[in-house]
PDB file of N, CA and C in Angstrom:
ATOM      1  N   MET A   1       0.834  -1.129   0.057  1.00  0.00           N
ATOM      2  CA  MET A   1       0.064  -0.018   0.002  1.00  0.00           C
ATOM      3  C   MET A   1       0.890   1.255  -0.047  1.00  0.00           C
ATOM      4  N   ARG A   2       0.491   2.222  -0.864  1.00  0.00           N
ATOM      5  CA  ARG A   2       1.249   3.410  -0.953  1.00  0.00           C
ATOM      6  C   ARG A   2       1.050   4.296   0.064  1.00  0.00           C
ATOM      7  N   THR A   3       2.120   4.956   0.669  1.00  0.00           N
ATOM      8  CA  THR A   3       2.013   5.889   1.844  1.00  0.00           C
ATOM      9  C   THR A   3       2.281   7.283   1.163  1.00  0.00           C
ATOM     10  N   VAL A   4       1.542   8.249   1.841  1.00  0.00           N
ATOM     11  CA  VAL A   4       1.606   9.571   1.445  1.00  0.00           C
ATOM     12  C   VAL A   4       2.404  10.304   2.583  1.00  0.00           C
ATOM     13  N   LEU A   5       3.434  10.761   2.377  1.00  0.00           N
ATOM     14  CA  LEU A   5       4.081  11.606   3.463  1.00  0.00           C
ATOM     15  C   LEU A   5       4.221  13.127   3.003  1.00  0.00           C
ATOM     16  N   VAL A   6       3.987  14.020   3.953  1.00  0.00           N
ATOM     17  CA  VAL A   6       3.805  15.436   3.826  1.00  0.00           C
ATOM     18  C   VAL A   6       4.872  16.100   4.549  1.00  0.00           C
ATOM     19  N   PHE A   7       5.703  17.025   4.132  1.00  0.00           N
ATOM     20  CA  PHE A   7       6.809  17.749   4.797  1.00  0.00           C
ATOM     21  C   PHE A   7       6.702  19.188   4.658  1.00  0.00           C
ATOM     22  N   LYS A   8       7.037  19.917   5.629  1.00  0.00           N
ATOM     23  CA  LYS A   8       7.332  21.422   5.575  1.00  0.00           C
ATOM     24  C   LYS A   8       8.869  21.436   5.278  1.00  0.00           C
ATOM     25  N   THR A   9       9.164  22.401   4.239  1.00  0.00           N
ATOM     26  CA  THR A   9      10.498  22.586   3.731  1.00  0.00           C
ATOM     27  C   THR A   9      10.983  23.956   3.715  1.00  0.00           C
ATOM     28  N   SER A  10      12.294  24.087   3.384  1.00  0.00           N
ATOM     29  CA  SER A  10      12.779  25.396   3.209  1.00  0.00           C
ATOM     30  C   SER A  10      13.082  25.740   1.701  1.00  0.00           C
ATOM     31  N   VAL A  11      12.615  24.667   0.981  1.00  0.00           N
ATOM     32  CA  VAL A  11      12.869  24.873  -0.557  1.00  0.00           C
ATOM     33  C   VAL A  11      11.939  26.090  -1.024  1.00  0.00           C
ATOM     34  N   LEU A  12      12.423  27.098  -1.644  1.00  0.00           N
ATOM     35  CA  LEU A  12      11.691  28.283  -2.009  1.00  0.00           C
ATOM     36  C   LEU A  12      11.581  28.444  -3.618  1.00  0.00           C
ATOM     37  N   THR A  13      12.530  27.820  -4.237  1.00  0.00           N
ATOM     38  CA  THR A  13      12.462  28.134  -5.831  1.00  0.00           C
ATOM     39  C   THR A  13      12.640  26.717  -6.504  1.00  0.00           C
ATOM     40  N   ASP A  14      12.382  27.025  -7.847  1.00  0.00           N
ATOM     41  CA  ASP A  14      12.466  25.783  -8.706  1.00  0.00           C
ATOM     42  C   ASP A  14      13.933  25.383  -8.743  1.00  0.00           C
ATOM     43  N   LYS A  15      14.946  26.263  -8.492  1.00  0.00           N
ATOM     44  CA  LYS A  15      16.320  25.957  -8.415  1.00  0.00           C
ATOM     45  C   LYS A  15      16.493  25.101  -7.286  1.00  0.00           C
ATOM     46  N   GLY A  16      15.966  25.221  -6.186  1.00  0.00           N
ATOM     47  CA  GLY A  16      15.991  24.318  -5.078  1.00  0.00           C
ATOM     48  C   GLY A  16      15.568  23.003  -5.309  1.00  0.00           C
ATOM     49  N   VAL A  17      14.344  22.938  -6.071  1.00  0.00           N
ATOM     50  CA  VAL A  17      13.679  21.641  -6.300  1.00  0.00           C
ATOM     51  C   VAL A  17      14.532  20.986  -7.376  1.00  0.00           C
ATOM     52  N   LYS A  18      15.269  21.564  -8.286  1.00  0.00           N
ATOM     53  CA  LYS A  18      16.158  20.829  -9.151  1.00  0.00           C
ATOM     54  C   LYS A  18      17.473  20.460  -8.417  1.00  0.00           C
ATOM     55  N   GLN A  19      17.899  21.063  -7.379  1.00  0.00           N
ATOM     56  CA  GLN A  19      18.873  20.556  -6.414  1.00  0.00           C
ATOM     57  C   GLN A  19      18.543  19.378  -5.750  1.00  0.00           C
ATOM     58  N   VAL A  20      17.490  19.073  -5.214  1.00  0.00           N
ATOM     59  CA  VAL A  20      17.109  18.090  -4.400  1.00  0.00           C
ATOM     60  C   VAL A  20      16.498  16.851  -5.234  1.00  0.00           C
ATOM     61  N   ALA A  21      16.079  17.192  -6.499  1.00  0.00           N
ATOM     62  CA  ALA A  21      15.349  16.096  -7.342  1.00  0.00           C
ATOM     63  C   ALA A  21      16.299  14.917  -7.524  1.00  0.00           C
ATOM     64  N   PRO A  22      17.741  14.907  -7.744  1.00  0.00           N
ATOM     65  CA  PRO A  22      18.470  13.666  -7.961  1.00  0.00           C
ATOM     66  C   PRO A  22      18.522  12.970  -6.575  1.00  0.00           C
ATOM     67  N   LEU A  23      18.406  13.569  -5.490  1.00  0.00           N
ATOM     68  CA  LEU A  23      18.450  12.807  -4.069  1.00  0.00           C
ATOM     69  C   LEU A  23      17.270  12.297  -3.861  1.00  0.00           C
ATOM     70  N   LEU A  24      16.043  12.885  -4.150  1.00  0.00           N
ATOM     71  CA  LEU A  24      14.726  12.160  -3.913  1.00  0.00           C
ATOM     72  C   LEU A  24      14.576  11.042  -5.057  1.00  0.00           C
ATOM     73  N   ASN A  25      14.993  11.281  -6.246  1.00  0.00           N
ATOM     74  CA  ASN A  25      14.795  10.172  -7.184  1.00  0.00           C
ATOM     75  C   ASN A  25      15.532   8.872  -6.870  1.00  0.00           C
ATOM     76  N   GLN A  26      16.720   9.102  -6.173  1.00  0.00           N
ATOM     77  CA  GLN A  26      17.487   7.860  -5.627  1.00  0.00           C
ATOM     78  C   GLN A  26      16.601   7.010  -4.773  1.00  0.00           C
ATOM     79  N   LEU A  27      15.908   7.805  -4.046  1.00  0.00           N
ATOM     80  CA  LEU A  27      15.113   6.879  -2.862  1.00  0.00           C
ATOM     81  C   LEU A  27      13.866   6.162  -3.286  1.00  0.00           C
ATOM     82  N   LEU A  28      13.434   6.632  -4.546  1.00  0.00           N
ATOM     83  CA  LEU A  28      12.080   6.197  -4.961  1.00  0.00           C
ATOM     84  C   LEU A  28      12.277   5.314  -6.172  1.00  0.00           C
ATOM     85  N   THR A  29      11.324   4.429  -6.395  1.00  0.00           N
ATOM     86  CA  THR A  29      11.181   3.636  -7.590  1.00  0.00           C
ATOM     87  C   THR A  29      10.511   4.346  -8.738  1.00  0.00           C
ATOM     88  N   PRO A  30      10.608   3.930  -9.897  1.00  0.00           N
ATOM     89  CA  PRO A  30       9.835   4.739 -10.979  1.00  0.00           C
ATOM     90  C   PRO A  30       8.293   4.920 -10.821  1.00  0.00           C
ATOM     91  N   THR A  31       7.779   3.978 -10.186  1.00  0.00           N
ATOM     92  CA  THR A  31       6.341   4.151  -9.846  1.00  0.00           C
ATOM     93  C   THR A  31       5.927   4.941  -8.633  1.00  0.00           C
ATOM     94  N   GLU A  32       6.837   5.338  -7.858  1.00  0.00           N
ATOM     95  CA  GLU A  32       6.638   6.283  -6.726  1.00  0.00           C
ATOM     96  C   GLU A  32       6.998   7.715  -7.272  1.00  0.00           C
ATOM     97  N   ARG A  33       6.292   8.599  -6.469  1.00  0.00           N
ATOM     98  CA  ARG A  33       6.553  10.031  -6.885  1.00  0.00           C
ATOM     99  C   ARG A  33       6.578  11.015  -5.758  1.00  0.00           C
ATOM    100  N   TRP A  34       7.111  12.271  -6.145  1.00  0.00           N
ATOM    101  CA  TRP A  34       7.044  13.367  -5.242  1.00  0.00           C
ATOM    102  C   TRP A  34       6.923  14.692  -5.920  1.00  0.00           C
ATOM    103  N   ASN A  35       6.477  15.582  -5.217  1.00  0.00           N
ATOM    104  CA  ASN A  35       6.190  16.909  -5.902  1.00  0.00           C
ATOM    105  C   ASN A  35       6.323  17.838  -4.586  1.00  0.00           C
ATOM    106  N   PHE A  36       6.535  19.261  -5.073  1.00  0.00           N
ATOM    107  CA  PHE A  36       6.558  20.390  -4.162  1.00  0.00           C
ATOM    108  C   PHE A  36       5.373  21.264  -4.586  1.00  0.00           C
ATOM    109  N   ASP A  37       4.982  21.959  -3.497  1.00  0.00           N
ATOM    110  CA  ASP A  37       3.942  23.006  -3.538  1.00  0.00           C
ATOM    111  C   ASP A  37       4.608  24.242  -3.027  1.00  0.00           C
ATOM    112  N   LEU A  38       5.408  25.004  -3.962  1.00  0.00           N
ATOM    113  CA  LEU A  38       6.179  26.186  -3.402  1.00  0.00           C
ATOM    114  C   LEU A  38       5.229  27.460  -3.206  1.00  0.00           C
ATOM    115  N   GLU A  39       4.029  27.359  -3.512  1.00  0.00           N
ATOM    116  CA  GLU A  39       2.997  28.534  -3.319  1.00  0.00           C
ATOM    117  C   GLU A  39       2.435  28.331  -1.957  1.00  0.00           C
ATOM    118  N   ASP A  40       2.530  27.145  -1.213  1.00  0.00           N
ATOM    119  CA  ASP A  40       1.953  27.104   0.052  1.00  0.00           C
ATOM    120  C   ASP A  40       2.982  27.669   0.854  1.00  0.00           C
ATOM    121  N   CYS A  41       2.567  28.145   2.067  1.00  0.00           N
ATOM    122  CA  CYS A  41       3.438  28.990   3.022  1.00  0.00           C
ATOM    123  C   CYS A  41       4.473  27.996   3.723  1.00  0.00           C
ATOM    124  N   ASP A  42       4.170  26.663   3.782  1.00  0.00           N
ATOM    125  CA  ASP A  42       5.178  25.697   4.251  1.00  0.00           C
ATOM    126  C   ASP A  42       6.046  25.100   3.161  1.00  0.00           C
ATOM    127  N   HIS A  43       5.950  25.467   1.863  1.00  0.00           N
ATOM    128  CA  HIS A  43       6.765  24.876   0.896  1.00  0.00           C
ATOM    129  C   HIS A  43       6.757  23.505   0.841  1.00  0.00           C
ATOM    130  N   ILE A  44       5.551  22.873   0.629  1.00  0.00           N
ATOM    131  CA  ILE A  44       5.299  21.495   0.944  1.00  0.00           C
ATOM    132  C   ILE A  44       6.014  20.512   0.078  1.00  0.00           C
ATOM    133  N   LEU A  45       6.652  19.493   0.439  1.00  0.00           N
ATOM    134  CA  LEU A  45       6.992  18.288  -0.335  1.00  0.00           C
ATOM    135  C   LEU A  45       6.003  17.236   0.050  1.00  0.00           C
ATOM    136  N   ARG A  46       5.538  16.593  -0.974  1.00  0.00           N
ATOM    137  CA  ARG A  46       4.668  15.451  -0.803  1.00  0.00           C
ATOM    138  C   ARG A  46       5.227  14.292  -1.487  1.00  0.00           C
ATOM    139  N   VAL A  47       5.363  13.137  -0.875  1.00  0.00           N
ATOM    140  CA  VAL A  47       5.996  11.950  -1.376  1.00  0.00           C
ATOM    141  C   VAL A  47       4.844  10.994  -1.257  1.00  0.00           C
ATOM    142  N   GLU A  48       4.753  10.200  -2.375  1.00  0.00           N
ATOM    143  CA  GLU A  48       3.859   8.959  -2.438  1.00  0.00           C
ATOM    144  C   GLU A  48       4.862   7.796  -2.701  1.00  0.00           C
ATOM    145  N   ALA A  49       4.991   6.992  -1.683  1.00  0.00           N
ATOM    146  CA  ALA A  49       6.034   5.836  -1.742  1.00  0.00           C
ATOM    147  C   ALA A  49       5.528   4.523  -1.000  1.00  0.00           C
ATOM    148  N   LEU A  50       6.056   3.519  -1.348  1.00  0.00           N
ATOM    149  CA  LEU A  50       5.756   2.233  -0.741  1.00  0.00           C
ATOM    150  C   LEU A  50       6.683   1.992   0.425  1.00  0.00           C
ATOM    151  N   ALA A  51       7.769   2.325   0.454  1.00  0.00           N
ATOM    152  CA  ALA A  51       8.651   1.770   1.642  1.00  0.00           C
ATOM    153  C   ALA A  51       9.593   2.958   2.318  1.00  0.00           C
ATOM    154  N   VAL A  52       9.701   4.007   1.616  1.00  0.00           N
ATOM    155  CA  VAL A  52      10.663   5.035   2.276  1.00  0.00           C
ATOM    156  C   VAL A  52       9.961   5.531   3.520  1.00  0.00           C
ATOM    157  N   THR A  53      10.983   5.946   4.511  1.00  0.00           N
ATOM    158  CA  THR A  53      10.536   6.445   5.773  1.00  0.00           C
ATOM    159  C   THR A  53      10.727   7.882   5.838  1.00  0.00           C
ATOM    160  N   PRO A  54      10.005   8.569   6.656  1.00  0.00           N
ATOM    161  CA  PRO A  54      10.184  10.062   6.852  1.00  0.00           C
ATOM    162  C   PRO A  54      11.493  10.339   7.191  1.00  0.00           C
ATOM    163  N   SER A  55      12.326   9.682   8.174  1.00  0.00           N
ATOM    164  CA  SER A  55      13.519  10.108   8.525  1.00  0.00           C
ATOM    165  C   SER A  55      14.570  10.019   7.433  1.00  0.00           C
ATOM    166  N   VAL A  56      14.453   9.081   6.426  1.00  0.00           N
ATOM    167  CA  VAL A  56      15.377   9.042   5.295  1.00  0.00           C
ATOM    168  C   VAL A  56      15.103  10.282   4.419  1.00  0.00           C
ATOM    169  N   ILE A  57      13.941  10.750   4.130  1.00  0.00           N
ATOM    170  CA  ILE A  57      13.720  11.879   3.320  1.00  0.00           C
ATOM    171  C   ILE A  57      14.182  13.204   4.090  1.00  0.00           C
ATOM    172  N   ILE A  58      13.949  13.234   5.482  1.00  0.00           N
ATOM    173  CA  ILE A  58      14.415  14.347   6.236  1.00  0.00           C
ATOM    174  C   ILE A  58      15.912  14.504   6.054  1.00  0.00           C
ATOM    175  N   ASP A  59      16.733  13.233   6.248  1.00  0.00           N
ATOM    176  CA  ASP A  59      18.066  13.245   6.185  1.00  0.00           C
ATOM    177  C   ASP A  59      18.517  13.796   4.829  1.00  0.00           C
ATOM    178  N   ARG A  60      17.939  13.210   3.731  1.00  0.00           N
ATOM    179  CA  ARG A  60      18.421  13.569   2.409  1.00  0.00           C
ATOM    180  C   ARG A  60      18.233  15.196   2.173  1.00  0.00           C
ATOM    181  N   MET A  61      17.096  15.696   2.617  1.00  0.00           N
ATOM    182  CA  MET A  61      16.871  16.991   2.427  1.00  0.00           C
ATOM    183  C   MET A  61      17.890  17.967   3.023  1.00  0.00           C
ATOM    184  N   GLN A  62      18.202  17.511   4.457  1.00  0.00           N
ATOM    185  CA  GLN A  62      19.152  18.243   5.334  1.00  0.00           C
ATOM    186  C   GLN A  62      20.619  17.985   4.558  1.00  0.00           C
ATOM    187  N   GLN A  63      20.983  16.960   3.926  1.00  0.00           N
ATOM    188  CA  GLN A  63      22.183  16.846   3.461  1.00  0.00           C
ATOM    189  C   GLN A  63      22.390  17.850   2.211  1.00  0.00           C
ATOM    190  N   ALA A  64      21.328  18.174   1.593  1.00  0.00           N
ATOM    191  CA  ALA A  64      21.231  19.118   0.482  1.00  0.00           C
ATOM    192  C   ALA A  64      21.091  20.461   0.997  1.00  0.00           C
ATOM    193  N   GLY A  65      21.134  20.608   2.283  1.00  0.00           N
ATOM    194  CA  GLY A  65      21.132  22.060   2.971  1.00  0.00           C
ATOM    195  C   GLY A  65      19.745  22.693   3.093  1.00  0.00           C
ATOM    196  N   PHE A  66      18.592  21.837   3.100  1.00  0.00           N
ATOM    197  CA  PHE A  66      17.454  22.366   3.266  1.00  0.00           C
ATOM    198  C   PHE A  66      16.788  21.779   4.555  1.00  0.00           C
ATOM    199  N   LEU A  67      15.901  22.676   5.357  1.00  0.00           N
ATOM    200  CA  LEU A  67      15.189  22.170   6.354  1.00  0.00           C
ATOM    201  C   LEU A  67      14.083  21.373   5.874  1.00  0.00           C
ATOM    202  N   CYS A  68      13.682  20.443   6.674  1.00  0.00           N
ATOM    203  CA  CYS A  68      12.424  19.594   6.442  1.00  0.00           C
ATOM    204  C   CYS A  68      11.974  19.000   7.613  1.00  0.00           C
ATOM    205  N   ALA A  69      10.634  19.057   7.734  1.00  0.00           N
ATOM    206  CA  ALA A  69       9.975  18.472   8.957  1.00  0.00           C
ATOM    207  C   ALA A  69       8.652  17.824   8.514  1.00  0.00           C
ATOM    208  N   GLU A  70       8.514  16.615   9.030  1.00  0.00           N
ATOM    209  CA  GLU A  70       7.319  15.895   8.643  1.00  0.00           C
ATOM    210  C   GLU A  70       5.990  16.570   9.243  1.00  0.00           C
ATOM    211  N   LEU A  71       4.919  16.900   8.476  1.00  0.00           N
ATOM    212  CA  LEU A  71       3.710  17.292   8.985  1.00  0.00           C
ATOM    213  C   LEU A  71       2.685  16.132   9.365  1.00  0.00           C
ATOM    214  N   GLU A  72       2.249  16.231  10.486  1.00  0.00           N
ATOM    215  CA  GLU A  72       1.340  15.143  10.941  1.00  0.00           C
ATOM    216  C   GLU A  72      -0.035  15.437  10.389  1.00  0.00           C
ATOM    217  N   ASP A  73      -0.884  14.343  10.364  1.00  0.00           N
ATOM    218  CA  ASP A  73      -2.297  14.616   9.933  1.00  0.00           C
ATOM    219  C   ASP A  73      -3.070  15.535  10.839  1.00  0.00           C
TER     220      ASP A  73
END
């Protein structure tokens, strides 16, 4: 079953999205996906995946120099 994870980030621009894209793509299979909503005040990252954990996403985002925190339901 696919899980939807939602994160608040410090990614503000398309340039930032392009910077983290390779890191996120490495974590996911071709059938899984992610996207950013940069117009939202929390600069939302939404990940639809089968097996990736929030801590792995947060770690990768921090490695790229961005803040990232999971938003709870």
